[in-house]
């Protein structure tokens, strides 16, 4: 497994979670790192990306609730999610864009 994702779980509406994705130094330093998600019966969609220079990009539905950041010392990219809603329920996948690697996915369920 090139990308190791973790941090998913069950959270109530309005709650927070932080996902993490760790990889090798070689992969981390040569890729823009991002997160996608896939809800049941739907296509995988873009959530957020942080490029090697540090610029961040977000899907419109994030609406300021999520933050992506990369820790270069730990070869890890994080997705901190606030104010989670039931429609955020999905499997979240880490992505290394240039290498076209995907993590194994981590389930996020938002439910009361």
Protein backbone atom coordinates (compact mmCIF):
# COMPACT_ATOMS: atom_id res chain seq x y z
CA UNK A 1 0.00 0.00 0.00
CA UNK A 2 1.60 3.23 -1.15
CA UNK A 3 -0.76 5.51 0.78
CA UNK A 4 -2.00 4.64 4.27
CA UNK A 5 -5.16 6.47 5.26
CA UNK A 6 -6.80 6.52 8.67
CA UNK A 7 -9.04 8.57 10.93
CA UNK A 8 -12.53 7.76 9.75
CA UNK A 9 -15.36 6.88 12.05
CA UNK A 10 -18.87 7.65 13.24
CA UNK A 11 -19.64 11.20 14.27
CA UNK A 12 -22.81 13.11 15.07
CA UNK A 13 -23.99 16.00 12.87
CA UNK A 14 -22.00 19.09 13.69
CA UNK A 15 -19.03 17.06 14.84
CA UNK A 16 -15.43 16.97 13.63
CA UNK A 17 -12.96 14.41 12.34
CA UNK A 18 -9.40 14.52 11.10
CA UNK A 19 -8.25 12.13 8.42
CA UNK A 20 -4.60 11.40 7.84
CA UNK A 21 -2.68 9.87 4.95
CA UNK A 22 0.94 8.81 5.25
CA UNK A 23 3.28 7.76 2.50
CA UNK A 24 6.95 7.51 1.66
CA UNK A 25 9.22 10.51 1.41
CA UNK A 26 9.73 9.94 -2.31
CA UNK A 27 6.02 9.88 -3.06
CA UNK A 28 5.18 12.74 -0.72
CA UNK A 29 7.82 15.07 -2.15
CA UNK A 30 6.90 14.43 -5.77
CA UNK A 31 3.13 14.69 -5.59
CA UNK A 32 0.30 17.06 -5.00
CA UNK A 33 -1.73 15.36 -2.29
CA UNK A 34 -5.49 15.32 -2.09
CA UNK A 35 -8.66 13.77 -0.77
CA UNK A 36 -11.65 12.44 -2.66
CA UNK A 37 -14.82 10.81 -1.43
CA UNK A 38 -17.34 8.31 -2.70
CA UNK A 39 -20.83 7.95 -1.31
CA UNK A 40 -22.84 4.76 -1.94
CA UNK A 41 -24.07 4.61 -5.51
CA UNK A 42 -22.16 7.73 -6.52
CA UNK A 43 -18.94 8.51 -8.33
CA UNK A 44 -15.76 9.44 -6.55
CA UNK A 45 -15.54 13.22 -6.25
CA UNK A 46 -12.84 15.72 -5.42
CA UNK A 47 -12.78 17.15 -1.90
CA UNK A 48 -9.51 19.01 -1.42
CA UNK A 49 -5.91 19.18 -2.57
CA UNK A 50 -2.70 20.74 -1.31
CA UNK A 51 0.02 21.15 -3.89
CA UNK A 52 3.73 20.88 -3.25
CA UNK A 53 4.07 24.67 -2.97
CA UNK A 54 1.39 24.78 -0.27
CA UNK A 55 -1.58 26.18 -2.18
CA UNK A 56 -4.89 24.61 -1.21
CA UNK A 57 -7.93 23.85 -3.32
CA UNK A 58 -11.38 22.82 -2.16
CA UNK A 59 -14.62 21.57 -3.64
CA UNK A 60 -17.46 24.10 -3.36
CA UNK A 61 -19.44 21.89 -0.99
CA UNK A 62 -16.66 22.20 1.60
CA UNK A 63 -17.80 25.81 2.21
CA UNK A 64 -15.02 26.59 4.66
CA UNK A 65 -15.71 23.56 6.85
CA UNK A 66 -12.68 21.47 5.85
CA UNK A 67 -8.98 22.22 5.94
CA UNK A 68 -6.23 20.28 4.21
CA UNK A 69 -2.62 20.57 5.19
CA UNK A 70 0.59 18.67 4.68
CA UNK A 71 3.20 17.88 7.30
CA UNK A 72 6.44 17.57 5.38
CA UNK A 73 8.31 16.21 8.39
CA UNK A 74 5.90 13.28 8.71
CA UNK A 75 5.12 12.72 5.00
CA UNK A 76 1.48 13.06 5.96
CA UNK A 77 -1.46 14.97 4.58
CA UNK A 78 -4.39 15.73 6.86
CA UNK A 79 -8.01 16.62 6.21
CA UNK A 80 -9.60 18.31 9.17
CA UNK A 81 -13.38 18.34 8.83
CA UNK A 82 -15.67 20.53 10.92
CA UNK A 83 -19.44 20.82 11.11
CA UNK A 84 -19.94 17.46 9.46
CA UNK A 85 -23.37 16.70 8.05
CA UNK A 86 -25.09 13.47 7.01
CA UNK A 87 -24.40 14.28 3.35
CA UNK A 88 -20.68 14.07 4.13
CA UNK A 89 -21.06 10.35 4.75
CA UNK A 90 -18.76 8.55 2.33
CA UNK A 91 -15.57 6.60 1.96
CA UNK A 92 -12.71 9.09 1.82
CA UNK A 93 -9.68 8.31 -0.32
CA UNK A 94 -6.25 9.85 -0.22
CA UNK A 95 -4.64 10.60 -3.58
CA UNK A 96 -1.14 11.28 -4.86
CA UNK A 97 -1.90 13.05 -8.11
CA UNK A 98 1.21 12.73 -10.24
CA UNK A 99 1.88 9.12 -9.29
CA UNK A 100 -1.82 8.27 -9.56
CA UNK A 101 -1.75 6.40 -6.26
CA UNK A 102 -4.81 5.92 -4.07
CA UNK A 103 -5.13 5.02 -0.45
CA UNK A 104 -7.37 2.21 0.68
CA UNK A 105 -10.21 4.47 1.80
CA UNK A 106 -11.53 5.30 5.24
CA UNK A 107 -15.23 5.36 6.11
CA UNK A 108 -16.77 8.54 7.49
CA UNK A 109 -20.34 8.22 8.77
CA UNK A 110 -22.27 11.22 10.04
CA UNK A 111 -25.38 10.19 11.88
CA UNK A 112 -27.27 10.88 15.07
